[in-house]
Amino acid sequence: MGTLSPAGVKKAPEDSAESKIYNLVESFIDNIPIQNDRYRLAYSLLQTYQGKGDTPDIAIRTSKIKIEKISMEKLITDISERLKQL
């Protein structure tokens, strides 16, 4: 049985909404230590940004992410404010 190499990843342009939102969530690496949690949250927030998903507070609460060193409410406030600046 052999294994294949992982699929290639095409990076989004730095000025795209995807990159901005993923970078926003990556800036909370100390508060959201698990990489998959950050990816899942960023995807949910991207859906919100595109008008397809829930509001940021609902997206954060339902993402089931592990949060450290900050309260859920403070994280929601910080991310919502930074999302409005995009």
N, C-alpha and C. Protein backbone atom coordinates (compact mmCIF):
# COMPACT_ATOMS: atom_id res chain seq x y z
N MET A 1 0.86 -1.17 0.00
CA MET A 1 0.00 0.00 0.00
C MET A 1 0.90 1.23 0.00
N GLY A 2 0.67 2.12 -0.89
CA GLY A 2 1.47 3.33 -0.98
C GLY A 2 0.68 4.55 -0.55
N THR A 3 1.39 5.57 -0.25
CA THR A 3 0.73 6.83 0.09
C THR A 3 1.09 7.88 -0.94
N LEU A 4 0.16 8.70 -1.20
CA LEU A 4 0.37 9.77 -2.17
C LEU A 4 0.76 11.05 -1.44
N SER A 5 1.43 11.91 -2.13
CA SER A 5 1.77 13.20 -1.53
C SER A 5 0.50 14.03 -1.42
N PRO A 6 0.47 14.96 -0.47
CA PRO A 6 -0.73 15.78 -0.30
C PRO A 6 -0.97 16.67 -1.52
N ALA A 7 -2.20 17.02 -1.69
CA ALA A 7 -2.58 17.90 -2.80
C ALA A 7 -1.94 19.26 -2.61
N GLY A 8 -1.63 19.90 -3.70
CA GLY A 8 -1.05 21.23 -3.64
C GLY A 8 -2.08 22.25 -3.20
N VAL A 9 -1.59 23.30 -2.60
CA VAL A 9 -2.47 24.36 -2.12
C VAL A 9 -2.15 25.63 -2.88
N LYS A 10 -3.18 26.21 -3.47
CA LYS A 10 -2.99 27.45 -4.20
C LYS A 10 -3.32 28.60 -3.26
N LYS A 11 -2.35 29.44 -2.99
CA LYS A 11 -2.53 30.56 -2.07
C LYS A 11 -3.42 31.62 -2.71
N ALA A 12 -4.29 32.20 -1.90
CA ALA A 12 -5.14 33.30 -2.35
C ALA A 12 -4.30 34.58 -2.36
N PRO A 13 -4.62 35.52 -3.22
CA PRO A 13 -3.89 36.79 -3.22
C PRO A 13 -3.99 37.48 -1.86
N GLU A 14 -2.95 38.20 -1.48
CA GLU A 14 -2.89 38.83 -0.16
C GLU A 14 -4.01 39.86 0.07
N ASP A 15 -4.52 40.45 -1.00
CA ASP A 15 -5.57 41.46 -0.84
C ASP A 15 -6.98 40.88 -0.92
N SER A 16 -7.09 39.56 -1.00
CA SER A 16 -8.41 38.93 -1.09
C SER A 16 -9.05 38.82 0.29
N ALA A 17 -10.36 38.67 0.30
CA ALA A 17 -11.10 38.52 1.56
C ALA A 17 -10.65 37.28 2.31
N GLU A 18 -10.39 36.20 1.58
CA GLU A 18 -9.94 34.95 2.21
C GLU A 18 -8.66 35.17 3.01
N SER A 19 -7.67 35.77 2.38
CA SER A 19 -6.39 36.00 3.05
C SER A 19 -6.55 36.92 4.25
N LYS A 20 -7.33 37.96 4.10
CA LYS A 20 -7.51 38.90 5.20
C LYS A 20 -8.17 38.23 6.41
N ILE A 21 -9.18 37.42 6.16
CA ILE A 21 -9.88 36.76 7.26
C ILE A 21 -9.01 35.68 7.89
N TYR A 22 -8.33 34.89 7.08
CA TYR A 22 -7.46 33.86 7.65
C TYR A 22 -6.32 34.51 8.44
N ASN A 23 -5.76 35.62 7.97
CA ASN A 23 -4.72 36.33 8.72
C ASN A 23 -5.27 36.93 10.01
N LEU A 24 -6.49 37.43 9.97
CA LEU A 24 -7.14 37.95 11.17
C LEU A 24 -7.23 36.87 12.23
N VAL A 25 -7.71 35.70 11.85
CA VAL A 25 -7.86 34.60 12.81
C VAL A 25 -6.48 34.09 13.26
N GLU A 26 -5.51 34.05 12.37
CA GLU A 26 -4.15 33.61 12.75
C GLU A 26 -3.53 34.53 13.78
N SER A 27 -3.94 35.79 13.82
CA SER A 27 -3.39 36.71 14.80
C SER A 27 -3.82 36.36 16.22
N PHE A 28 -4.78 35.47 16.37
CA PHE A 28 -5.25 35.01 17.68
C PHE A 28 -4.66 33.65 18.03
N ILE A 29 -3.45 33.38 17.56
CA ILE A 29 -2.81 32.07 17.77
C ILE A 29 -2.60 31.77 19.26
N ASP A 30 -2.37 32.80 20.08
CA ASP A 30 -2.20 32.58 21.52
C ASP A 30 -3.51 32.22 22.20
N ASN A 31 -4.62 32.67 21.64
CA ASN A 31 -5.93 32.41 22.24
C ASN A 31 -6.63 31.20 21.64
N ILE A 32 -6.30 30.88 20.40
CA ILE A 32 -6.87 29.70 19.73
C ILE A 32 -5.68 28.85 19.29
N PRO A 33 -5.18 27.99 20.19
CA PRO A 33 -3.91 27.29 19.93
C PRO A 33 -3.97 26.18 18.88
N ILE A 34 -5.13 25.63 18.61
CA ILE A 34 -5.23 24.50 17.69
C ILE A 34 -5.46 25.03 16.27
N GLN A 35 -4.56 24.65 15.36
CA GLN A 35 -4.60 25.16 14.00
C GLN A 35 -5.91 24.83 13.29
N ASN A 36 -6.41 23.63 13.44
CA ASN A 36 -7.67 23.25 12.79
C ASN A 36 -8.84 24.09 13.30
N ASP A 37 -8.81 24.47 14.58
CA ASP A 37 -9.84 25.35 15.13
C ASP A 37 -9.78 26.71 14.45
N ARG A 38 -8.58 27.22 14.23
CA ARG A 38 -8.43 28.52 13.56
C ARG A 38 -8.93 28.44 12.12
N TYR A 39 -8.61 27.36 11.43
CA TYR A 39 -9.08 27.19 10.05
C TYR A 39 -10.60 27.11 10.00
N ARG A 40 -11.18 26.34 10.91
CA ARG A 40 -12.64 26.19 10.94
C ARG A 40 -13.32 27.53 11.23
N LEU A 41 -12.77 28.27 12.18
CA LEU A 41 -13.33 29.58 12.51
C LEU A 41 -13.19 30.54 11.34
N ALA A 42 -12.02 30.55 10.71
CA ALA A 42 -11.80 31.44 9.56
C ALA A 42 -12.78 31.13 8.44
N TYR A 43 -13.03 29.85 8.18
CA TYR A 43 -13.99 29.49 7.15
C TYR A 43 -15.39 29.99 7.51
N SER A 44 -15.78 29.83 8.77
CA SER A 44 -17.10 30.31 9.21
C SER A 44 -17.21 31.82 9.07
N LEU A 45 -16.14 32.53 9.43
CA LEU A 45 -16.15 33.99 9.31
C LEU A 45 -16.14 34.44 7.85
N LEU A 46 -15.49 33.67 6.99
CA LEU A 46 -15.51 33.98 5.56
C LEU A 46 -16.93 33.85 5.03
N GLN A 47 -17.64 32.82 5.45
CA GLN A 47 -19.04 32.65 5.04
C GLN A 47 -19.88 33.83 5.52
N THR A 48 -19.62 34.28 6.75
CA THR A 48 -20.32 35.44 7.30
C THR A 48 -20.02 36.68 6.46
N TYR A 49 -18.75 36.88 6.14
CA TYR A 49 -18.31 38.05 5.37
C TYR A 49 -18.97 38.07 3.99
N GLN A 50 -19.17 36.90 3.42
CA GLN A 50 -19.78 36.80 2.09
C GLN A 50 -21.30 36.80 2.14
N GLY A 51 -21.87 36.93 3.34
CA GLY A 51 -23.32 36.99 3.48
C GLY A 51 -24.01 35.64 3.46
N LYS A 52 -23.27 34.57 3.63
CA LYS A 52 -23.83 33.23 3.57
C LYS A 52 -23.98 32.58 4.93
N GLY A 53 -23.31 33.11 5.94
CA GLY A 53 -23.29 32.44 7.24
C GLY A 53 -23.94 33.25 8.33
N ASP A 54 -23.74 32.78 9.55
CA ASP A 54 -24.28 33.43 10.73
C ASP A 54 -23.48 34.68 11.08
N THR A 55 -23.97 35.41 12.04
CA THR A 55 -23.24 36.58 12.53
C THR A 55 -21.96 36.09 13.20
N PRO A 56 -20.95 36.97 13.35
CA PRO A 56 -19.68 36.54 13.96
C PRO A 56 -19.84 35.91 15.34
N ASP A 57 -20.72 36.46 16.17
CA ASP A 57 -20.86 35.89 17.52
C ASP A 57 -21.40 34.46 17.46
N ILE A 58 -22.34 34.21 16.59
CA ILE A 58 -22.88 32.85 16.46
C ILE A 58 -21.84 31.92 15.83
N ALA A 59 -21.12 32.42 14.82
CA ALA A 59 -20.08 31.61 14.16
C ALA A 59 -19.00 31.21 15.16
N ILE A 60 -18.60 32.12 16.02
CA ILE A 60 -17.56 31.81 17.01
C ILE A 60 -18.08 30.82 18.05
N ARG A 61 -19.29 31.04 18.52
CA ARG A 61 -19.85 30.15 19.54
C ARG A 61 -20.09 28.73 19.01
N THR A 62 -20.49 28.60 17.76
CA THR A 62 -20.82 27.28 17.21
C THR A 62 -19.62 26.57 16.59
N SER A 63 -18.49 27.23 16.49
CA SER A 63 -17.30 26.61 15.90
C SER A 63 -16.66 25.57 16.81
N LYS A 64 -17.04 25.56 18.09
CA LYS A 64 -16.52 24.61 19.07
C LYS A 64 -15.00 24.65 19.14
N ILE A 65 -14.45 25.86 19.22
CA ILE A 65 -13.01 26.02 19.29
C ILE A 65 -12.54 26.05 20.74
N LYS A 66 -11.30 25.65 20.94
CA LYS A 66 -10.69 25.71 22.26
C LYS A 66 -10.08 27.09 22.43
N ILE A 67 -10.51 27.80 23.47
CA ILE A 67 -10.06 29.17 23.72
C ILE A 67 -9.23 29.20 25.00
N GLU A 68 -8.10 29.89 24.95
CA GLU A 68 -7.23 30.03 26.11
C GLU A 68 -6.91 31.50 26.35
N LYS A 69 -6.71 31.86 27.61
CA LYS A 69 -6.20 33.17 28.04
C LYS A 69 -7.11 34.34 27.70
N ILE A 70 -8.36 34.09 27.33
CA ILE A 70 -9.29 35.16 26.99
C ILE A 70 -10.70 34.59 27.15
N SER A 71 -11.64 35.46 27.46
CA SER A 71 -13.03 34.99 27.57
C SER A 71 -13.67 34.92 26.18
N MET A 72 -14.70 34.14 26.09
CA MET A 72 -15.44 34.00 24.83
C MET A 72 -15.97 35.36 24.38
N GLU A 73 -16.52 36.13 25.32
CA GLU A 73 -17.10 37.43 24.99
C GLU A 73 -16.04 38.41 24.47
N LYS A 74 -14.85 38.41 25.09
CA LYS A 74 -13.77 39.29 24.65
C LYS A 74 -13.30 38.88 23.26
N LEU A 75 -13.19 37.58 23.01
CA LEU A 75 -12.79 37.10 21.69
C LEU A 75 -13.81 37.50 20.63
N ILE A 76 -15.09 37.36 20.95
CA ILE A 76 -16.15 37.76 20.02
C ILE A 76 -16.06 39.24 19.71
N THR A 77 -15.88 40.06 20.74
CA THR A 77 -15.78 41.51 20.56
C THR A 77 -14.58 41.87 19.70
N ASP A 78 -13.41 41.29 20.01
CA ASP A 78 -12.19 41.61 19.27
C ASP A 78 -12.30 41.20 17.80
N ILE A 79 -12.77 40.00 17.56
CA ILE A 79 -12.88 39.53 16.17
C ILE A 79 -13.93 40.31 15.41
N SER A 80 -15.06 40.62 16.05
CA SER A 80 -16.13 41.38 15.37
C SER A 80 -15.65 42.76 14.97
N GLU A 81 -14.92 43.42 15.87
CA GLU A 81 -14.40 44.76 15.58
C GLU A 81 -13.40 44.73 14.43
N ARG A 82 -12.51 43.75 14.44
CA ARG A 82 -11.51 43.66 13.38
C ARG A 82 -12.14 43.22 12.06
N LEU A 83 -13.20 42.45 12.13
CA LEU A 83 -13.90 42.03 10.91
C LEU A 83 -14.58 43.22 10.25
N LYS A 84 -15.10 44.14 11.06
CA LYS A 84 -15.75 45.35 10.52
C LYS A 84 -14.74 46.24 9.79
N GLN A 85 -13.46 46.17 10.16
CA GLN A 85 -12.43 47.01 9.55
C GLN A 85 -12.00 46.49 8.19
N LEU A 86 -12.38 45.28 7.84
CA LEU A 86 -11.96 44.72 6.53
C LEU A 86 -12.73 45.35 5.39
